[in-house]
Amino acid sequence: MADAASPRERIAGLILAGGQGSRMNQQDKGLVLLCGQPLVAHVADRLAPQVGRLIVSANRHQDRYAQYGQVVEDGEPALGAFQGPLLGIAAGLAAAAQDDWLVVAPCDTPFLPTDLAARLIGTARSARAPLAYAAANGQRHSACMAVRTSLLPDLRAYLLGGDRKVGLWQARAGGVETCFDDTPDAFMNVNTPEELAAAERYASQ
């Protein structure tokens, strides 16, 4: 099947950086420094080699995010802004319309697996599913996913219906789980100053 041999160039990566940073003292979380580099830079370094190009969903400081990829805003009049990751994913899917897959990661996961894209897409293809999300040691990491770009109309309909829950949309879309039990630390989140300090300690090991 031709799709099974899709090159990396047909895969776009999306970094979600559109949150309000409510648990990080309202800071723009993607620009918070970890080991002297913004969190978004760590994610970009991990994700960029796995995809053909990067897109960043951001609602502020777009000029700073532009050095990491094409910047899109995660809101539109009918949907609003700052309403969760699915808004950013919808914007990313629209920007990646010419690609086959969009591999999504939040800006606060600086230690992502270097084979995230291959494993997510591999699982989805094996299951003939349009979407796969990550899980490790019994914990679901819904915002780390690979999505067929053809799912954009389905996602927009879900959002226009008023729902914002990521897991519910993934289930309705026929999403499947990809097991990353071998690399659970790769999905360490940095949501608070305390978690940032823990990530600094982890990175220095």
C-alpha atoms as a PDB file:
ATOM      1  CA  MET A   1       0.000   0.000   0.000  1.00  0.00           C
ATOM      2  CA  ALA A   2       1.456   3.358  -1.014  1.00  0.00           C
ATOM      3  CA  ASP A   3       0.503   4.976   2.287  1.00  0.00           C
ATOM      4  CA  ALA A   4       2.692   2.551   4.226  1.00  0.00           C
ATOM      5  CA  ALA A   5       5.743   4.056   2.573  1.00  0.00           C
ATOM      6  CA  SER A   6       4.816   7.707   3.171  1.00  0.00           C
ATOM      7  CA  PRO A   7       8.048   9.679   3.627  1.00  0.00           C
ATOM      8  CA  ARG A   8       8.736  11.862   6.620  1.00  0.00           C
ATOM      9  CA  GLU A   9       7.962  14.872   4.415  1.00  0.00           C
ATOM     10  CA  ARG A  10       4.281  13.896   4.470  1.00  0.00           C
ATOM     11  CA  ILE A  11       4.253  14.214   8.277  1.00  0.00           C
ATOM     12  CA  ALA A  12       3.961  17.572  10.022  1.00  0.00           C
ATOM     13  CA  GLY A  13       4.692  18.162  13.692  1.00  0.00           C
ATOM     14  CA  LEU A  14       2.617  20.439  15.914  1.00  0.00           C
ATOM     15  CA  ILE A  15       3.806  21.937  19.204  1.00  0.00           C
ATOM     16  CA  LEU A  16       0.942  23.132  21.377  1.00  0.00           C
ATOM     17  CA  ALA A  17       1.938  26.420  23.025  1.00  0.00           C
ATOM     18  CA  GLY A  18      -1.408  28.184  23.236  1.00  0.00           C
ATOM     19  CA  GLY A  19      -2.226  27.725  26.912  1.00  0.00           C
ATOM     20  CA  GLN A  20      -2.557  30.416  29.547  1.00  0.00           C
ATOM     21  CA  GLY A  21       0.082  28.996  31.897  1.00  0.00           C
ATOM     22  CA  SER A  22      -2.307  29.240  34.841  1.00  0.00           C
ATOM     23  CA  ARG A  23      -0.225  26.867  36.988  1.00  0.00           C
ATOM     24  CA  MET A  24       3.035  28.551  35.952  1.00  0.00           C
ATOM     25  CA  ASN A  25       2.127  31.974  37.382  1.00  0.00           C
ATOM     26  CA  GLN A  26       0.472  32.959  34.059  1.00  0.00           C
ATOM     27  CA  GLN A  27       3.810  32.722  32.231  1.00  0.00           C
ATOM     28  CA  ASP A  28       3.887  31.696  28.584  1.00  0.00           C
ATOM     29  CA  LYS A  29       4.909  28.157  29.400  1.00  0.00           C
ATOM     30  CA  GLY A  30       6.665  27.380  26.146  1.00  0.00           C
ATOM     31  CA  LEU A  31       9.104  30.229  26.796  1.00  0.00           C
ATOM     32  CA  VAL A  32       9.954  29.219  30.375  1.00  0.00           C
ATOM     33  CA  LEU A  33      13.628  28.255  30.561  1.00  0.00           C
ATOM     34  CA  LEU A  34      14.811  24.721  31.268  1.00  0.00           C
ATOM     35  CA  CYS A  35      18.592  24.306  31.399  1.00  0.00           C
ATOM     36  CA  GLY A  36      18.933  27.723  29.753  1.00  0.00           C
ATOM     37  CA  GLN A  37      16.647  26.941  26.799  1.00  0.00           C
ATOM     38  CA  PRO A  38      12.903  27.625  26.391  1.00  0.00           C
ATOM     39  CA  LEU A  39      10.726  24.555  26.863  1.00  0.00           C
ATOM     40  CA  VAL A  40       9.544  24.890  23.264  1.00  0.00           C
ATOM     41  CA  ALA A  41      13.147  24.595  22.067  1.00  0.00           C
ATOM     42  CA  HIS A  42      13.551  21.254  23.861  1.00  0.00           C
ATOM     43  CA  VAL A  43      10.356  19.931  22.275  1.00  0.00           C
ATOM     44  CA  ALA A  44      11.349  21.235  18.834  1.00  0.00           C
ATOM     45  CA  ASP A  45      14.773  19.580  19.109  1.00  0.00           C
ATOM     46  CA  ARG A  46      13.075  16.248  19.819  1.00  0.00           C
ATOM     47  CA  LEU A  47      10.249  16.479  17.318  1.00  0.00           C
ATOM     48  CA  ALA A  48      11.823  18.201  14.301  1.00  0.00           C
ATOM     49  CA  PRO A  49      14.013  15.240  13.209  1.00  0.00           C
ATOM     50  CA  GLN A  50      10.914  13.014  13.171  1.00  0.00           C
ATOM     51  CA  VAL A  51       8.757  15.122  10.852  1.00  0.00           C
ATOM     52  CA  GLY A  52       8.977  17.040   7.600  1.00  0.00           C
ATOM     53  CA  ARG A  53       8.209  20.429   9.173  1.00  0.00           C
ATOM     54  CA  LEU A  54       7.083  22.009  12.409  1.00  0.00           C
ATOM     55  CA  ILE A  55       3.996  24.075  13.226  1.00  0.00           C
ATOM     56  CA  VAL A  56       3.541  25.917  16.533  1.00  0.00           C
ATOM     57  CA  SER A  57       0.142  26.797  17.949  1.00  0.00           C
ATOM     58  CA  ALA A  58       0.523  29.993  19.992  1.00  0.00           C
ATOM     59  CA  ASN A  59      -1.781  32.787  21.129  1.00  0.00           C
ATOM     60  CA  ARG A  60       0.941  35.224  22.199  1.00  0.00           C
ATOM     61  CA  HIS A  61       4.615  35.950  21.506  1.00  0.00           C
ATOM     62  CA  GLN A  62       4.167  34.596  17.988  1.00  0.00           C
ATOM     63  CA  ASP A  63       7.354  36.346  16.867  1.00  0.00           C
ATOM     64  CA  ARG A  64       9.404  34.334  19.331  1.00  0.00           C
ATOM     65  CA  TYR A  65       7.760  31.057  18.402  1.00  0.00           C
ATOM     66  CA  ALA A  66       8.302  31.704  14.682  1.00  0.00           C
ATOM     67  CA  GLN A  67      11.938  30.590  14.951  1.00  0.00           C
ATOM     68  CA  TYR A  68      10.716  27.046  15.642  1.00  0.00           C
ATOM     69  CA  GLY A  69       8.167  26.654  12.843  1.00  0.00           C
ATOM     70  CA  GLN A  70       5.066  28.037  11.166  1.00  0.00           C
ATOM     71  CA  VAL A  71       2.968  29.771  13.821  1.00  0.00           C
ATOM     72  CA  VAL A  72      -0.818  29.407  13.901  1.00  0.00           C
ATOM     73  CA  GLU A  73      -3.299  30.831  16.396  1.00  0.00           C
ATOM     74  CA  ASP A  74      -5.596  28.304  18.012  1.00  0.00           C
ATOM     75  CA  GLY A  75      -8.829  30.241  17.859  1.00  0.00           C
ATOM     76  CA  GLU A  76     -11.432  31.375  15.355  1.00  0.00           C
ATOM     77  CA  PRO A  77     -14.569  33.465  15.914  1.00  0.00           C
ATOM     78  CA  ALA A  78     -16.892  30.469  16.007  1.00  0.00           C
ATOM     79  CA  LEU A  79     -14.756  28.587  18.524  1.00  0.00           C
ATOM     80  CA  GLY A  80     -12.944  31.132  20.697  1.00  0.00           C
ATOM     81  CA  ALA A  81      -9.422  30.985  22.119  1.00  0.00           C
ATOM     82  CA  PHE A  82      -7.773  29.540  25.249  1.00  0.00           C
ATOM     83  CA  GLN A  83     -10.273  26.680  25.278  1.00  0.00           C
ATOM     84  CA  GLY A  84      -7.951  23.723  25.407  1.00  0.00           C
ATOM     85  CA  PRO A  85      -5.596  21.791  23.135  1.00  0.00           C
ATOM     86  CA  LEU A  86      -8.185  20.712  20.565  1.00  0.00           C
ATOM     87  CA  LEU A  87      -8.434  24.302  19.310  1.00  0.00           C
ATOM     88  CA  GLY A  88      -4.705  24.297  18.630  1.00  0.00           C
ATOM     89  CA  ILE A  89      -4.916  20.892  16.989  1.00  0.00           C
ATOM     90  CA  ALA A  90      -7.676  22.119  14.684  1.00  0.00           C
ATOM     91  CA  ALA A  91      -5.495  25.051  13.646  1.00  0.00           C
ATOM     92  CA  GLY A  92      -2.561  22.707  13.120  1.00  0.00           C
ATOM     93  CA  LEU A  93      -4.609  20.308  10.994  1.00  0.00           C
ATOM     94  CA  ALA A  94      -5.735  23.208   8.804  1.00  0.00           C
ATOM     95  CA  ALA A  95      -2.121  24.301   8.339  1.00  0.00           C
ATOM     96  CA  ALA A  96      -1.043  20.728   7.547  1.00  0.00           C
ATOM     97  CA  ALA A  97      -3.733  20.060   4.959  1.00  0.00           C
ATOM     98  CA  GLN A  98      -1.182  18.952   2.344  1.00  0.00           C
ATOM     99  CA  ASP A  99       0.346  16.386   4.717  1.00  0.00           C
ATOM    100  CA  ASP A 100      -0.931  12.913   5.611  1.00  0.00           C
ATOM    101  CA  TRP A 101      -0.314  13.024   9.357  1.00  0.00           C
ATOM    102  CA  LEU A 102       0.028  15.584  12.131  1.00  0.00           C
ATOM    103  CA  VAL A 103       2.094  14.503  15.141  1.00  0.00           C
ATOM    104  CA  VAL A 104       1.155  16.576  18.179  1.00  0.00           C
ATOM    105  CA  ALA A 105       3.080  17.323  21.385  1.00  0.00           C
ATOM    106  CA  PRO A 106       2.596  19.942  24.109  1.00  0.00           C
ATOM    107  CA  CYS A 107       5.295  22.533  24.733  1.00  0.00           C
ATOM    108  CA  ASP A 108       5.703  21.261  28.309  1.00  0.00           C
ATOM    109  CA  THR A 109       7.028  17.765  27.467  1.00  0.00           C
ATOM    110  CA  PRO A 110      10.759  18.430  26.935  1.00  0.00           C
ATOM    111  CA  PHE A 111      11.913  14.792  27.018  1.00  0.00           C
ATOM    112  CA  LEU A 112       9.740  13.335  24.243  1.00  0.00           C
ATOM    113  CA  PRO A 113      10.718   9.968  22.730  1.00  0.00           C
ATOM    114  CA  THR A 114      12.883  10.319  19.649  1.00  0.00           C
ATOM    115  CA  ASP A 115      10.687   7.715  17.929  1.00  0.00           C
ATOM    116  CA  LEU A 116       7.341   9.230  18.959  1.00  0.00           C
ATOM    117  CA  ALA A 117       6.106   9.841  15.415  1.00  0.00           C
ATOM    118  CA  ALA A 118       7.104   6.441  14.054  1.00  0.00           C
ATOM    119  CA  ARG A 119       5.494   4.532  16.899  1.00  0.00           C
ATOM    120  CA  LEU A 120       2.259   6.520  16.962  1.00  0.00           C
ATOM    121  CA  ILE A 121       1.772   6.342  13.208  1.00  0.00           C
ATOM    122  CA  GLY A 122       2.810   2.692  13.145  1.00  0.00           C
ATOM    123  CA  THR A 123       0.159   1.809  15.720  1.00  0.00           C
ATOM    124  CA  ALA A 124      -2.520   3.765  13.878  1.00  0.00           C
ATOM    125  CA  ARG A 125      -1.692   2.119  10.562  1.00  0.00           C
ATOM    126  CA  SER A 126      -1.623  -1.372  12.057  1.00  0.00           C
ATOM    127  CA  ALA A 127      -5.060  -0.793  13.568  1.00  0.00           C
ATOM    128  CA  ARG A 128      -6.324   1.009  10.449  1.00  0.00           C
ATOM    129  CA  ALA A 129      -7.185   3.881  12.783  1.00  0.00           C
ATOM    130  CA  PRO A 130      -7.084   7.598  11.943  1.00  0.00           C
ATOM    131  CA  LEU A 131      -5.516   8.539  15.271  1.00  0.00           C
ATOM    132  CA  ALA A 132      -3.169   7.148  17.926  1.00  0.00           C
ATOM    133  CA  TYR A 133      -2.262   8.595  21.332  1.00  0.00           C
ATOM    134  CA  ALA A 134       0.507   7.796  23.804  1.00  0.00           C
ATOM    135  CA  ALA A 135       0.215   5.949  27.113  1.00  0.00           C
ATOM    136  CA  ALA A 136       2.887   4.828  29.568  1.00  0.00           C
ATOM    137  CA  ASN A 137       2.604   2.737  32.728  1.00  0.00           C
ATOM    138  CA  GLY A 138      -1.153   3.037  32.821  1.00  0.00           C
ATOM    139  CA  GLN A 139      -1.190   6.807  32.332  1.00  0.00           C
ATOM    140  CA  ARG A 140      -2.719   8.245  29.188  1.00  0.00           C
ATOM    141  CA  HIS A 141      -0.916  11.170  27.523  1.00  0.00           C
ATOM    142  CA  SER A 142      -3.756  12.302  25.289  1.00  0.00           C
ATOM    143  CA  ALA A 143      -2.074  15.448  23.983  1.00  0.00           C
ATOM    144  CA  CYS A 144       0.749  13.368  22.473  1.00  0.00           C
ATOM    145  CA  MET A 145      -0.873  11.930  19.379  1.00  0.00           C
ATOM    146  CA  ALA A 146      -0.675  11.325  15.638  1.00  0.00           C
ATOM    147  CA  VAL A 147      -3.741  12.396  13.681  1.00  0.00           C
ATOM    148  CA  ARG A 148      -4.758  11.888  10.073  1.00  0.00           C
ATOM    149  CA  THR A 149      -5.142  15.377   8.616  1.00  0.00           C
ATOM    150  CA  SER A 150      -8.387  14.217   7.024  1.00  0.00           C
ATOM    151  CA  LEU A 151      -9.928  14.301  10.526  1.00  0.00           C
ATOM    152  CA  LEU A 152     -10.177  18.110  10.523  1.00  0.00           C
ATOM    153  CA  PRO A 153     -13.890  18.247   9.534  1.00  0.00           C
ATOM    154  CA  ASP A 154     -14.714  15.716  12.244  1.00  0.00           C
ATOM    155  CA  LEU A 155     -12.798  17.717  14.870  1.00  0.00           C
ATOM    156  CA  ARG A 156     -14.378  21.005  13.829  1.00  0.00           C
ATOM    157  CA  ALA A 157     -17.837  19.481  14.083  1.00  0.00           C
ATOM    158  CA  TYR A 158     -17.004  18.197  17.567  1.00  0.00           C
ATOM    159  CA  LEU A 159     -15.775  21.641  18.663  1.00  0.00           C
ATOM    160  CA  LEU A 160     -18.727  23.461  17.153  1.00  0.00           C
ATOM    161  CA  GLY A 161     -20.950  21.116  19.151  1.00  0.00           C
ATOM    162  CA  GLY A 162     -19.447  22.613  22.305  1.00  0.00           C
ATOM    163  CA  ASP A 163     -17.232  19.746  23.472  1.00  0.00           C
ATOM    164  CA  ARG A 164     -13.573  20.288  24.389  1.00  0.00           C
ATOM    165  CA  LYS A 165     -12.502  16.965  25.991  1.00  0.00           C
ATOM    166  CA  VAL A 166      -9.537  15.465  24.174  1.00  0.00           C
ATOM    167  CA  GLY A 167     -10.105  11.867  25.259  1.00  0.00           C
ATOM    168  CA  LEU A 168     -13.762  11.920  24.281  1.00  0.00           C
ATOM    169  CA  TRP A 169     -12.976  13.161  20.788  1.00  0.00           C
ATOM    170  CA  GLN A 170     -10.219  10.584  20.374  1.00  0.00           C
ATOM    171  CA  ALA A 171     -12.604   7.798  21.345  1.00  0.00           C
ATOM    172  CA  ARG A 172     -15.308   9.041  18.990  1.00  0.00           C
ATOM    173  CA  ALA A 173     -12.779   9.318  16.165  1.00  0.00           C
ATOM    174  CA  GLY A 174     -11.632   5.721  16.650  1.00  0.00           C
ATOM    175  CA  GLY A 175      -8.290   6.508  18.266  1.00  0.00           C
ATOM    176  CA  VAL A 176      -6.012   3.723  19.511  1.00  0.00           C
ATOM    177  CA  GLU A 177      -3.422   3.602  22.269  1.00  0.00           C
ATOM    178  CA  THR A 178       0.327   3.351  21.671  1.00  0.00           C
ATOM    179  CA  CYS A 179       2.268   1.858  24.568  1.00  0.00           C
ATOM    180  CA  PHE A 180       5.427   3.640  25.708  1.00  0.00           C
ATOM    181  CA  ASP A 181       5.968   1.676  28.922  1.00  0.00           C
ATOM    182  CA  ASP A 182       9.674   1.467  28.034  1.00  0.00           C
ATOM    183  CA  THR A 183      10.087   5.274  28.219  1.00  0.00           C
ATOM    184  CA  PRO A 184       7.627   6.610  30.841  1.00  0.00           C
ATOM    185  CA  ASP A 185       9.873   9.532  31.830  1.00  0.00           C
ATOM    186  CA  ALA A 186       9.725  10.824  28.264  1.00  0.00           C
ATOM    187  CA  PHE A 187       6.278  12.253  28.979  1.00  0.00           C
ATOM    188  CA  MET A 188       7.263  14.223  32.064  1.00  0.00           C
ATOM    189  CA  ASN A 189       5.103  17.364  32.143  1.00  0.00           C
ATOM    190  CA  VAL A 190       6.294  20.775  33.305  1.00  0.00           C
ATOM    191  CA  ASN A 191       3.153  22.543  34.496  1.00  0.00           C
ATOM    192  CA  THR A 192       4.320  24.174  37.735  1.00  0.00           C
ATOM    193  CA  PRO A 193       7.494  25.757  39.154  1.00  0.00           C
ATOM    194  CA  GLU A 194       7.941  22.603  41.253  1.00  0.00           C
ATOM    195  CA  GLU A 195       7.772  20.387  38.173  1.00  0.00           C
ATOM    196  CA  LEU A 196      10.229  22.689  36.421  1.00  0.00           C
ATOM    197  CA  ALA A 197      12.687  22.169  39.269  1.00  0.00           C
ATOM    198  CA  ALA A 198      12.169  18.403  39.007  1.00  0.00           C
ATOM    199  CA  ALA A 199      12.798  18.545  35.245  1.00  0.00           C
ATOM    200  CA  GLU A 200      16.024  20.478  35.864  1.00  0.00           C
ATOM    201  CA  ARG A 201      17.175  17.726  38.211  1.00  0.00           C
ATOM    202  CA  TYR A 202      16.155  15.025  35.716  1.00  0.00           C
ATOM    203  CA  ALA A 203      17.949  16.748  32.846  1.00  0.00           C
ATOM    204  CA  SER A 204      21.153  17.029  34.859  1.00  0.00           C
ATOM    205  CA  GLN A 205      21.332  13.287  35.535  1.00  0.00           C
END
